[in-house]
Amino acid sequence: MAKSTLSFVCQNCGAAYNRWQGKCEACGEWNTLAEEDATGNVPVSIRSKRKGRTFALESLAGKSPDAPRLSSGMTELDRVTGGGFVRGSVLLVGGDPGIGKSTLLTQATSLLARAGHRIVYISGEEAIAQVRLRAERLGLSDAPVQLAAETSVEDIISTLSEGAVPRLIVIDSIQTMWTDTVESAPGTVTQVRASAQALIRFAKKTGAAIILVGHVTKDGQIAGPRVVEHMVDAVLSFEGEGSQQFRILRAVKNRFGPTDEIGVFEMTGLGLREVTNPSELFLSERDLGTPGTAVFAGIEGTRPVLVELQALVAPTSLGTPRRAVVGWDPSRLSMVLAVLEAHCGVKLSGHDVYLNVAGGLRIHEPAADLAAAAALVSSLVNAQLPTDAVYFGEISLSGVVRPVAQTPARLKEAAKLGFSRAVLPESARGEAGGDAGLSLNAVNSLTTLVAEIAARGSRRGESAGTPEKNATPARFRRGEG
């Protein structure tokens, strides 16, 4: 019998070391090394002793049939997965605790079970009674979903192999599973990797679709080794703030569909409600007439989404001004602030800057630069932006407003929601066409937009009779601040 060899494996990235140390050199995390048996991955008794077989090689030419999909019955979920669950695929769903992962999967499995498919829900964290209580609260207790509370992978596979092959299997969660093939505690890197591999082999062999639920760390990353994310076919992230009722389902990885689509849900007392028009929902409680707010016409996958950007620029007494942003990339905010100060003469070194994306949506595309800059300048000069205008465009380091993709779709969505004006890059005017029904204000540089907003703030101050309290275009000249 081979001698047992111990190693110390990082529970964050999976790196192995011969001795314990406080910090993992691979990922930089502290106190993440745990002792595991390095020889317990695959016992000798179950290793294959047969010789390799030959297989046929094919060319790139030829047609392959589309992978059959199983529609979940939830339009937003099917949008993110690319049209439904593919046979034999394995999906990893992650999200913060209490965000609604189990609620989403309970609703999806109930719809599939009512459609006549064999659906199995296996919980390693909750008892069967707890799962039933959630189903009763959602009004889904009559759905013929097969439940089990089990953590042994071998027992799960043996049970699922009997009778008809399930169309969909939910494992909640992968961190609670354990297998006899490795000698480690449940939740360790070795156990999670081996359990996921066994379930993936079962899915590929039988054609059943499997959904693995993964824990999320305090940094927002799916807990466990990154190798699990590489092993599965799709990784879905369920995002949202606990204080907000909106939930965003986003595909981080998808071998059978796009990775830039999002599904929007609203958390209610009866579970998650699908939001077919997220733009109208995100703009339902706009602060009309308030300086520092701008509507951004964005694109999430193939879906145009309009969302409000809120900015607050306030004088600070601190030596280092505060920069806080929610829902947007802090690096892009720093870049926009630098361009405003370097090329537009907007002095923000003595002001705290706060930027928020209303509704809990996270924006990833650079087209939000123009809307963010407009909101920031509007807050600084206390000038109200037009309530019927949308903004989109990328700002370069030279202050030039660059075009972005899918301009017609953004304008069409804005016109549908009642907006009559759009501020967009000059080079995108031709792409916009004349059938959008909007009045287009094309800007070539950020300086032009800043001057227009500053003039609006100047007129506002003159009408109030106190121009000295409002910023004017002269304030933005360099050397005056």
Protein backbone atom coordinates (compact mmCIF):
# COMPACT_ATOMS: atom_id res chain seq x y z
CA MET A 1 0.00 0.00 0.00
CA ALA A 2 1.33 3.40 -0.97
CA LYS A 3 2.43 5.62 1.85
CA SER A 4 0.09 8.54 2.52
CA THR A 5 1.65 11.85 1.57
CA LEU A 6 0.26 15.03 3.05
CA SER A 7 0.28 18.40 1.33
CA PHE A 8 -1.16 21.80 2.09
CA VAL A 9 -3.64 23.03 -0.51
CA CYS A 10 -4.93 26.59 -0.82
CA GLN A 11 -8.72 26.61 -0.47
CA ASN A 12 -8.96 29.73 -2.65
CA CYS A 13 -6.92 28.88 -5.75
CA GLY A 14 -5.93 25.20 -5.35
CA ALA A 15 -2.16 25.70 -5.18
CA ALA A 16 -0.33 22.91 -3.27
CA TYR A 17 2.68 23.26 -0.94
CA ASN A 18 4.86 20.77 0.96
CA ARG A 19 4.57 22.67 4.23
CA TRP A 20 2.14 25.06 5.84
CA GLN A 21 2.62 28.80 5.45
CA GLY A 22 0.47 31.75 6.35
CA LYS A 23 0.17 33.29 2.88
CA CYS A 24 -0.51 31.58 -0.43
CA GLU A 25 2.12 32.72 -2.93
CA ALA A 26 -0.15 31.97 -5.89
CA CYS A 27 -3.20 34.10 -5.03
CA GLY A 28 -1.89 36.21 -2.14
CA GLU A 29 -4.60 35.16 0.35
CA TRP A 30 -3.80 34.59 4.02
CA ASN A 31 -4.72 31.55 6.15
CA THR A 32 -6.21 29.58 3.25
CA LEU A 33 -3.88 26.53 3.34
CA ALA A 34 -5.44 23.31 4.62
CA GLU A 35 -3.84 19.91 5.11
CA GLU A 36 -4.99 17.25 2.61
CA ASP A 37 -3.93 13.82 1.43
CA ALA A 38 -2.04 14.26 -1.82
CA THR A 39 -2.37 10.60 -2.81
CA GLY A 40 -6.12 10.38 -2.31
CA ASN A 41 -7.33 11.86 -5.59
CA VAL A 42 -7.90 8.54 -7.33
CA PRO A 43 -7.25 5.31 -5.44
CA VAL A 44 -5.28 2.61 -7.19
CA SER A 45 -8.21 0.19 -6.86
CA ILE A 46 -10.42 2.23 -9.17
CA ARG A 47 -7.80 3.35 -11.67
CA SER A 48 -8.34 2.06 -15.18
CA LYS A 49 -5.77 -0.57 -16.26
CA ARG A 50 -6.94 -0.95 -19.88
CA LYS A 51 -4.96 0.34 -22.81
CA GLY A 52 -6.06 3.37 -24.74
CA ARG A 53 -8.37 2.90 -27.74
CA THR A 54 -8.15 4.57 -31.10
CA PHE A 55 -10.87 6.92 -32.31
CA ALA A 56 -11.77 8.51 -35.62
CA LEU A 57 -10.67 12.04 -36.48
CA GLU A 58 -12.97 14.38 -38.40
CA SER A 59 -12.42 17.56 -40.41
CA LEU A 60 -13.81 21.03 -39.79
CA ALA A 61 -16.09 20.74 -42.82
CA GLY A 62 -19.58 19.36 -42.36
CA LYS A 63 -22.69 20.21 -40.40
CA SER A 64 -23.39 19.37 -36.79
CA PRO A 65 -26.95 19.32 -35.41
CA ASP A 66 -27.86 21.96 -32.86
CA ALA A 67 -27.77 20.81 -29.27
CA PRO A 68 -31.29 19.99 -28.08
CA ARG A 69 -32.43 22.36 -25.35
CA LEU A 70 -34.90 22.11 -22.52
CA SER A 71 -36.82 25.34 -21.98
CA SER A 72 -37.20 26.22 -18.30
CA GLY A 73 -40.48 28.07 -18.77
CA MET A 74 -38.86 31.29 -17.47
CA THR A 75 -38.08 33.69 -20.31
CA GLU A 76 -35.37 35.56 -18.42
CA LEU A 77 -33.58 32.35 -17.41
CA ASP A 78 -33.74 30.99 -20.96
CA ARG A 79 -32.33 34.27 -22.27
CA VAL A 80 -29.22 33.97 -20.09
CA THR A 81 -28.64 30.27 -20.77
CA GLY A 82 -28.97 30.79 -24.53
CA GLY A 83 -32.42 29.27 -25.03
CA GLY A 84 -32.67 26.61 -22.33
CA PHE A 85 -30.69 23.78 -20.74
CA VAL A 86 -28.60 21.64 -23.09
CA ARG A 87 -28.66 17.89 -22.55
CA GLY A 88 -25.62 16.68 -20.66
CA SER A 89 -24.55 20.20 -19.69
CA VAL A 90 -23.45 21.27 -16.22
CA LEU A 91 -24.14 24.80 -14.95
CA LEU A 92 -22.63 26.50 -11.90
CA VAL A 93 -24.85 29.14 -10.26
CA GLY A 94 -23.31 31.50 -7.72
CA GLY A 95 -24.59 34.41 -5.67
CA ASP A 96 -24.52 36.05 -2.26
CA PRO A 97 -26.29 34.27 0.61
CA GLY A 98 -29.98 35.11 0.65
CA ILE A 99 -29.97 36.64 -2.83
CA GLY A 100 -32.56 34.14 -4.11
CA LYS A 101 -30.64 31.28 -5.74
CA SER A 102 -32.76 28.57 -4.14
CA THR A 103 -35.94 30.51 -4.90
CA LEU A 104 -35.00 30.82 -8.56
CA LEU A 105 -34.16 27.13 -8.90
CA THR A 106 -37.29 26.07 -7.02
CA GLN A 107 -39.45 28.05 -9.43
CA ALA A 108 -37.61 26.72 -12.49
CA THR A 109 -37.75 23.09 -11.38
CA SER A 110 -41.43 23.37 -10.51
CA LEU A 111 -42.29 24.68 -13.97
CA LEU A 112 -40.35 21.86 -15.62
CA ALA A 113 -41.90 19.22 -13.37
CA ARG A 114 -45.39 20.48 -14.17
CA ALA A 115 -44.52 20.15 -17.86
CA GLY A 116 -44.06 16.39 -17.37
CA HIS A 117 -40.28 16.12 -16.99
CA ARG A 118 -38.52 14.18 -14.24
CA ILE A 119 -36.80 16.79 -12.07
CA VAL A 120 -34.66 16.00 -9.02
CA TYR A 121 -33.70 18.57 -6.38
CA ILE A 122 -30.97 17.42 -3.99
CA SER A 123 -30.15 19.66 -1.04
CA GLY A 124 -27.03 19.25 1.02
CA GLU A 125 -27.69 22.26 3.23
CA GLU A 126 -31.41 22.05 4.03
CA ALA A 127 -33.72 19.30 5.14
CA ILE A 128 -36.60 18.17 2.94
CA ALA A 129 -39.05 19.94 5.25
CA GLN A 130 -37.27 23.26 4.72
CA VAL A 131 -37.42 22.88 0.94
CA ARG A 132 -41.13 22.07 1.20
CA LEU A 133 -41.74 25.18 3.31
CA ARG A 134 -40.16 27.33 0.60
CA ALA A 135 -42.29 25.65 -2.07
CA GLU A 136 -45.45 26.25 -0.01
CA ARG A 137 -44.56 29.93 0.41
CA LEU A 138 -44.13 30.23 -3.36
CA GLY A 139 -47.34 28.34 -4.09
CA LEU A 140 -45.48 25.48 -5.80
CA SER A 141 -46.08 22.61 -3.37
CA ASP A 142 -48.17 20.75 -5.95
CA ALA A 143 -45.29 20.49 -8.46
CA PRO A 144 -44.04 16.86 -8.79
CA VAL A 145 -40.41 17.66 -8.02
CA GLN A 146 -38.47 14.77 -6.48
CA LEU A 147 -36.62 15.88 -3.34
CA ALA A 148 -33.71 14.45 -1.38
CA ALA A 149 -31.33 15.60 1.35
CA GLU A 150 -28.03 13.85 0.66
CA THR A 151 -24.33 14.73 0.45
CA SER A 152 -22.68 11.48 -0.71
CA VAL A 153 -21.92 11.69 -4.43
CA GLU A 154 -21.80 7.90 -4.82
CA ASP A 155 -25.25 7.51 -3.23
CA ILE A 156 -26.64 10.32 -5.37
CA ILE A 157 -25.35 8.85 -8.63
CA SER A 158 -26.54 5.36 -7.70
CA THR A 159 -30.04 6.66 -6.92
CA LEU A 160 -30.28 8.77 -10.07
CA SER A 161 -29.18 5.84 -12.23
CA GLU A 162 -32.33 3.90 -11.35
CA GLY A 163 -35.39 4.40 -13.52
CA ALA A 164 -35.74 7.08 -16.16
CA VAL A 165 -32.88 9.54 -16.51
CA PRO A 166 -33.83 12.91 -14.97
CA ARG A 167 -34.01 15.82 -17.38
CA LEU A 168 -32.66 18.26 -14.78
CA ILE A 169 -30.80 17.74 -11.49
CA VAL A 170 -30.12 20.51 -8.96
CA ILE A 171 -27.26 20.06 -6.46
CA ASP A 172 -27.50 22.63 -3.65
CA SER A 173 -24.65 23.10 -2.99
CA ILE A 174 -21.44 21.62 -4.40
CA GLN A 175 -19.47 22.65 -1.29
CA THR A 176 -21.47 20.20 0.83
CA MET A 177 -20.86 17.17 -1.42
CA TRP A 178 -18.23 14.54 -0.63
CA THR A 179 -16.93 11.42 -2.35
CA ASP A 180 -15.18 8.29 -1.07
CA THR A 181 -12.48 8.56 -3.74
CA VAL A 182 -10.60 11.24 -1.79
CA GLU A 183 -9.68 11.49 1.86
CA SER A 184 -10.49 15.10 2.66
CA ALA A 185 -13.15 16.95 4.57
CA PRO A 186 -16.22 18.18 2.67
CA GLY A 187 -15.75 21.68 1.30
CA THR A 188 -12.02 21.39 0.70
CA VAL A 189 -10.54 21.95 -2.73
CA THR A 190 -9.92 18.27 -3.34
CA GLN A 191 -13.45 17.22 -2.34
CA VAL A 192 -15.16 19.93 -4.37
CA ARG A 193 -13.09 19.14 -7.44
CA ALA A 194 -13.59 15.38 -7.19
CA SER A 195 -17.33 15.68 -6.47
CA ALA A 196 -17.84 18.04 -9.39
CA GLN A 197 -15.90 15.75 -11.71
CA ALA A 198 -18.02 12.73 -10.73
CA LEU A 199 -21.25 14.64 -11.34
CA ILE A 200 -19.97 15.96 -14.68
CA ARG A 201 -19.13 12.42 -15.81
CA PHE A 202 -22.66 11.32 -14.90
CA ALA A 203 -24.18 14.23 -16.85
CA LYS A 204 -22.13 13.54 -19.98
CA LYS A 205 -22.84 9.81 -19.82
CA THR A 206 -26.61 10.00 -19.28
CA GLY A 207 -27.50 13.30 -20.96
CA ALA A 208 -29.06 14.81 -17.85
CA ALA A 209 -28.58 18.53 -17.24
CA ILE A 210 -27.12 19.38 -13.83
CA ILE A 211 -27.14 22.69 -11.97
CA LEU A 212 -24.52 23.10 -9.24
CA VAL A 213 -25.04 25.84 -6.66
CA GLY A 214 -21.81 27.45 -5.46
CA HIS A 215 -21.08 29.59 -2.44
CA VAL A 216 -19.75 33.11 -2.88
CA THR A 217 -16.90 34.63 -0.90
CA LYS A 218 -16.94 38.11 0.64
CA ASP A 219 -15.18 39.39 -2.50
CA GLY A 220 -18.06 38.23 -4.70
CA GLN A 221 -16.18 35.28 -6.23
CA ILE A 222 -17.57 31.75 -6.34
CA ALA A 223 -15.89 29.87 -3.52
CA GLY A 224 -13.73 26.84 -4.19
CA PRO A 225 -11.06 26.15 -6.80
CA ARG A 226 -11.22 28.03 -10.08
CA VAL A 227 -10.75 24.69 -11.82
CA VAL A 228 -14.44 23.90 -11.12
CA GLU A 229 -15.47 26.93 -13.18
CA HIS A 230 -13.32 25.61 -16.03
CA MET A 231 -14.86 22.14 -15.77
CA VAL A 232 -18.51 23.18 -16.08
CA ASP A 233 -20.20 24.34 -19.28
CA ALA A 234 -21.70 27.58 -17.94
CA VAL A 235 -21.22 29.84 -14.94
CA LEU A 236 -24.16 32.05 -13.96
CA SER A 237 -23.93 34.85 -11.40
CA PHE A 238 -27.02 35.98 -9.49
CA GLU A 239 -26.43 39.59 -8.47
CA GLY A 240 -28.32 42.20 -6.50
CA GLU A 241 -28.37 44.22 -3.32
CA GLY A 242 -30.22 42.90 -0.30
CA SER A 243 -31.98 46.26 0.12
CA GLN A 244 -33.07 46.36 -3.53
CA GLN A 245 -35.89 44.27 -4.98
CA PHE A 246 -34.14 43.83 -8.34
CA ARG A 247 -32.04 40.76 -9.13
CA ILE A 248 -29.75 40.37 -12.14
CA LEU A 249 -28.83 36.95 -13.56
CA ARG A 250 -25.67 37.23 -15.64
CA ALA A 251 -23.72 34.62 -17.60
CA VAL A 252 -20.02 34.74 -16.77
CA LYS A 253 -19.22 31.75 -18.98
CA ASN A 254 -21.40 29.84 -21.43
CA ARG A 255 -20.25 27.24 -23.93
CA PHE A 256 -23.68 27.04 -25.54
CA GLY A 257 -24.73 30.69 -25.65
CA PRO A 258 -23.72 34.33 -25.22
CA THR A 259 -22.03 35.67 -22.11
CA ASP A 260 -23.31 39.25 -22.33
CA GLU A 261 -27.03 38.59 -21.80
CA ILE A 262 -28.76 39.40 -18.52
CA GLY A 263 -32.02 38.34 -16.95
CA VAL A 264 -33.86 40.79 -14.71
CA PHE A 265 -36.06 39.65 -11.83
CA GLU A 266 -37.95 41.40 -9.07
CA MET A 267 -38.11 39.83 -5.62
CA THR A 268 -41.69 39.79 -4.30
CA GLY A 269 -43.53 38.05 -1.50
CA LEU A 270 -44.47 35.25 -3.90
CA GLY A 271 -40.97 34.69 -5.25
CA LEU A 272 -39.12 36.10 -8.23
CA ARG A 273 -41.11 37.92 -10.89
CA GLU A 274 -39.68 38.23 -14.38
CA VAL A 275 -39.16 41.79 -15.63
CA THR A 276 -39.79 41.94 -19.36
CA ASN A 277 -39.09 45.68 -19.64
CA PRO A 278 -36.22 46.48 -17.24
CA SER A 279 -35.76 50.02 -18.60
CA GLU A 280 -39.21 51.06 -17.47
CA LEU A 281 -38.61 49.49 -14.07
CA PHE A 282 -35.22 51.13 -13.51
CA LEU A 283 -36.64 54.54 -14.43
CA SER A 284 -39.92 54.18 -12.52
CA GLU A 285 -38.76 56.36 -9.59
CA ARG A 286 -36.57 58.98 -11.30
CA ASP A 287 -35.59 62.16 -9.51
CA LEU A 288 -36.97 64.60 -12.09
CA GLY A 289 -35.61 68.11 -11.85
CA THR A 290 -32.65 67.17 -9.64
CA PRO A 291 -29.12 68.19 -10.71
CA GLY A 292 -26.63 65.35 -10.99
CA THR A 293 -28.87 62.78 -12.69
CA ALA A 294 -28.52 61.53 -16.27
CA VAL A 295 -30.19 58.67 -18.13
CA PHE A 296 -27.80 56.26 -19.82
CA ALA A 297 -28.92 54.21 -22.82
CA GLY A 298 -26.96 50.99 -22.45
CA ILE A 299 -26.85 47.57 -24.06
CA GLU A 300 -26.79 44.28 -22.14
CA GLY A 301 -26.27 41.55 -24.71
CA THR A 302 -28.99 42.07 -27.30
CA ARG A 303 -31.26 43.98 -24.92
CA PRO A 304 -31.18 47.79 -24.64
CA VAL A 305 -31.48 48.97 -21.05
CA LEU A 306 -32.02 52.54 -19.87
CA VAL A 307 -30.83 53.31 -16.36
CA GLU A 308 -30.32 56.45 -14.29
CA LEU A 309 -26.85 57.55 -13.20
CA GLN A 310 -26.77 59.68 -10.06
CA ALA A 311 -23.78 61.86 -9.17
CA LEU A 312 -23.02 64.02 -6.16
CA VAL A 313 -20.05 66.42 -6.10
CA ALA A 314 -19.57 68.11 -2.74
CA PRO A 315 -16.73 70.22 -1.29
CA THR A 316 -14.45 68.37 1.09
CA SER A 317 -12.36 69.40 4.04
CA LEU A 318 -10.15 66.31 3.82
CA GLY A 319 -6.68 66.28 2.37
CA THR A 320 -7.57 63.44 0.03
CA PRO A 321 -11.03 63.74 -1.60
CA ARG A 322 -13.27 60.72 -1.41
CA ARG A 323 -14.19 58.80 -4.56
CA ALA A 324 -17.08 56.33 -4.13
CA VAL A 325 -18.90 54.50 -6.90
CA VAL A 326 -21.65 51.86 -6.83
CA GLY A 327 -22.55 49.85 -9.93
CA TRP A 328 -19.72 51.09 -12.16
CA ASP A 329 -15.99 50.51 -12.58
CA PRO A 330 -14.05 52.78 -10.18
CA SER A 331 -11.16 52.90 -12.64
CA ARG A 332 -13.38 54.38 -15.35
CA LEU A 333 -14.66 56.98 -12.89
CA SER A 334 -11.07 57.99 -12.13
CA MET A 335 -10.36 58.24 -15.86
CA VAL A 336 -13.42 60.45 -16.51
CA LEU A 337 -12.46 62.73 -13.63
CA ALA A 338 -8.91 63.04 -14.99
CA VAL A 339 -10.18 63.93 -18.48
CA LEU A 340 -12.56 66.52 -17.06
CA GLU A 341 -9.75 68.20 -15.16
CA ALA A 342 -7.04 67.93 -17.84
CA HIS A 343 -9.00 68.87 -20.96
CA CYS A 344 -12.12 70.67 -19.71
CA GLY A 345 -10.69 72.67 -16.82
CA VAL A 346 -13.12 71.19 -14.30
CA LYS A 347 -11.37 71.33 -10.94
CA LEU A 348 -12.49 68.43 -8.77
CA SER A 349 -9.42 68.05 -6.56
CA GLY A 350 -11.23 69.78 -3.69
CA HIS A 351 -14.50 67.86 -3.98
CA ASP A 352 -15.79 64.49 -2.89
CA VAL A 353 -17.31 62.54 -5.77
CA TYR A 354 -20.07 59.94 -5.42
CA LEU A 355 -21.56 58.04 -8.35
CA ASN A 356 -24.42 55.54 -8.18
CA VAL A 357 -26.26 53.41 -10.75
CA ALA A 358 -29.91 53.39 -9.68
CA GLY A 359 -31.74 50.10 -9.29
CA GLY A 360 -28.79 47.90 -8.35
CA LEU A 361 -27.66 47.27 -11.96
CA ARG A 362 -23.94 46.92 -12.64
CA ILE A 363 -22.69 48.56 -15.85
CA HIS A 364 -19.67 47.13 -17.61
CA GLU A 365 -19.57 48.89 -20.99
CA PRO A 366 -17.54 52.09 -21.58
CA ALA A 367 -20.51 53.75 -23.32
CA ALA A 368 -21.58 55.08 -19.91
CA ASP A 369 -18.65 57.54 -19.85
CA LEU A 370 -20.63 60.39 -21.41
CA ALA A 371 -23.62 59.95 -19.09
CA ALA A 372 -21.36 59.81 -16.04
CA ALA A 373 -19.50 62.96 -17.11
CA ALA A 374 -22.78 64.80 -17.70
CA ALA A 375 -24.09 63.82 -14.27
CA LEU A 376 -20.85 64.88 -12.56
CA VAL A 377 -20.72 68.31 -14.20
CA SER A 378 -24.43 68.80 -13.59
CA SER A 379 -23.97 68.20 -9.89
CA LEU A 380 -20.92 70.45 -9.72
CA VAL A 381 -22.59 73.48 -11.34
CA ASN A 382 -26.04 72.70 -9.87
CA ALA A 383 -27.60 72.56 -13.34
CA GLN A 384 -30.59 70.39 -14.16
CA LEU A 385 -30.13 68.19 -17.23
CA PRO A 386 -33.03 67.80 -19.68
CA THR A 387 -35.38 65.17 -18.32
CA ASP A 388 -36.23 63.93 -21.82
CA ALA A 389 -32.62 63.28 -22.91
CA VAL A 390 -30.48 60.15 -22.88
CA TYR A 391 -26.67 60.02 -23.03
CA PHE A 392 -24.22 57.45 -24.35
CA GLY A 393 -20.67 57.55 -25.70
CA GLU A 394 -17.14 56.53 -24.80
CA ILE A 395 -14.65 59.19 -23.71
CA SER A 396 -11.02 58.85 -24.79
CA LEU A 397 -8.07 60.13 -22.81
CA SER A 398 -7.79 63.06 -25.21
CA GLY A 399 -11.35 64.18 -24.44
CA VAL A 400 -12.81 62.99 -27.74
CA VAL A 401 -16.21 61.29 -27.60
CA ARG A 402 -15.90 57.97 -29.43
CA PRO A 403 -18.78 56.00 -31.01
CA VAL A 404 -20.23 52.84 -29.48
CA ALA A 405 -22.01 49.83 -30.93
CA GLN A 406 -25.75 49.35 -31.53
CA THR A 407 -26.70 53.01 -31.66
CA PRO A 408 -30.08 52.39 -33.40
CA ALA A 409 -31.18 49.94 -30.70
CA ARG A 410 -30.38 52.46 -27.95
CA LEU A 411 -32.31 55.23 -29.67
CA LYS A 412 -35.29 52.98 -30.41
CA GLU A 413 -35.57 51.98 -26.74
CA ALA A 414 -35.31 55.62 -25.66
CA ALA A 415 -38.05 56.70 -28.08
CA LYS A 416 -40.28 53.85 -26.87
CA LEU A 417 -40.04 55.13 -23.30
CA GLY A 418 -40.95 58.69 -24.22
CA PHE A 419 -37.54 60.37 -24.53
CA SER A 420 -37.25 63.01 -27.25
CA ARG A 421 -33.53 63.91 -27.21
CA ALA A 422 -30.27 62.02 -27.30
CA VAL A 423 -26.69 63.19 -26.70
CA LEU A 424 -24.38 60.89 -28.64
CA PRO A 425 -20.97 60.93 -30.42
CA GLU A 426 -20.69 62.99 -33.61
CA SER A 427 -19.41 60.02 -35.59
CA ALA A 428 -22.54 58.02 -34.68
CA ARG A 429 -24.97 60.51 -36.24
CA GLY A 430 -24.93 58.72 -39.59
CA GLU A 431 -25.47 55.33 -37.99
CA ALA A 432 -28.44 56.67 -36.02
CA GLY A 433 -30.42 57.53 -39.14
CA GLY A 434 -33.47 59.74 -39.23
CA ASP A 435 -36.17 57.26 -38.26
CA ALA A 436 -35.43 57.20 -34.53
CA GLY A 437 -37.86 60.02 -33.81
CA LEU A 438 -35.39 61.76 -31.49
CA SER A 439 -33.66 65.12 -31.65
CA LEU A 440 -29.95 64.26 -31.84
CA ASN A 441 -27.30 66.40 -30.15
CA ALA A 442 -24.04 65.07 -31.53
CA VAL A 443 -20.87 66.10 -29.64
CA ASN A 444 -17.34 65.60 -30.87
CA SER A 445 -15.47 66.38 -27.65
CA LEU A 446 -16.27 66.40 -23.96
CA THR A 447 -15.43 70.12 -23.80
CA THR A 448 -18.52 70.93 -25.87
CA LEU A 449 -20.84 69.05 -23.52
CA VAL A 450 -19.25 70.62 -20.42
CA ALA A 451 -19.71 74.10 -21.87
CA GLU A 452 -23.39 73.45 -22.60
CA ILE A 453 -24.08 72.18 -19.08
CA ALA A 454 -22.10 75.05 -17.53
CA ALA A 455 -24.09 77.58 -19.57
CA ARG A 456 -27.30 75.99 -18.35
CA GLY A 457 -26.08 76.36 -14.78
CA SER A 458 -25.18 80.00 -15.44
CA ARG A 459 -28.66 80.78 -16.77
CA ARG A 460 -30.18 79.01 -13.78
CA GLY A 461 -28.20 81.22 -11.42
CA GLU A 462 -29.10 84.42 -13.27
CA SER A 463 -32.80 83.58 -13.15
CA ALA A 464 -32.51 83.02 -9.42
CA GLY A 465 -30.70 86.32 -8.96
CA THR A 466 -27.63 84.73 -7.30
CA PRO A 467 -25.12 84.00 -10.04
CA GLU A 468 -22.22 84.06 -7.61
CA LYS A 469 -23.48 80.82 -6.01
CA ASN A 470 -23.53 78.87 -9.26
CA ALA A 471 -20.70 77.75 -11.46
CA THR A 472 -20.27 79.51 -14.82
CA PRO A 473 -18.24 78.61 -17.91
CA ALA A 474 -15.50 80.97 -16.71
CA ARG A 475 -15.03 78.82 -13.67
CA PHE A 476 -13.84 75.96 -15.84
CA ARG A 477 -10.90 77.86 -17.38
CA ARG A 478 -7.59 76.46 -16.21
CA GLY A 479 -6.01 78.17 -13.32
CA GLU A 480 -9.37 79.13 -11.78
CA GLY A 481 -11.07 76.74 -9.59
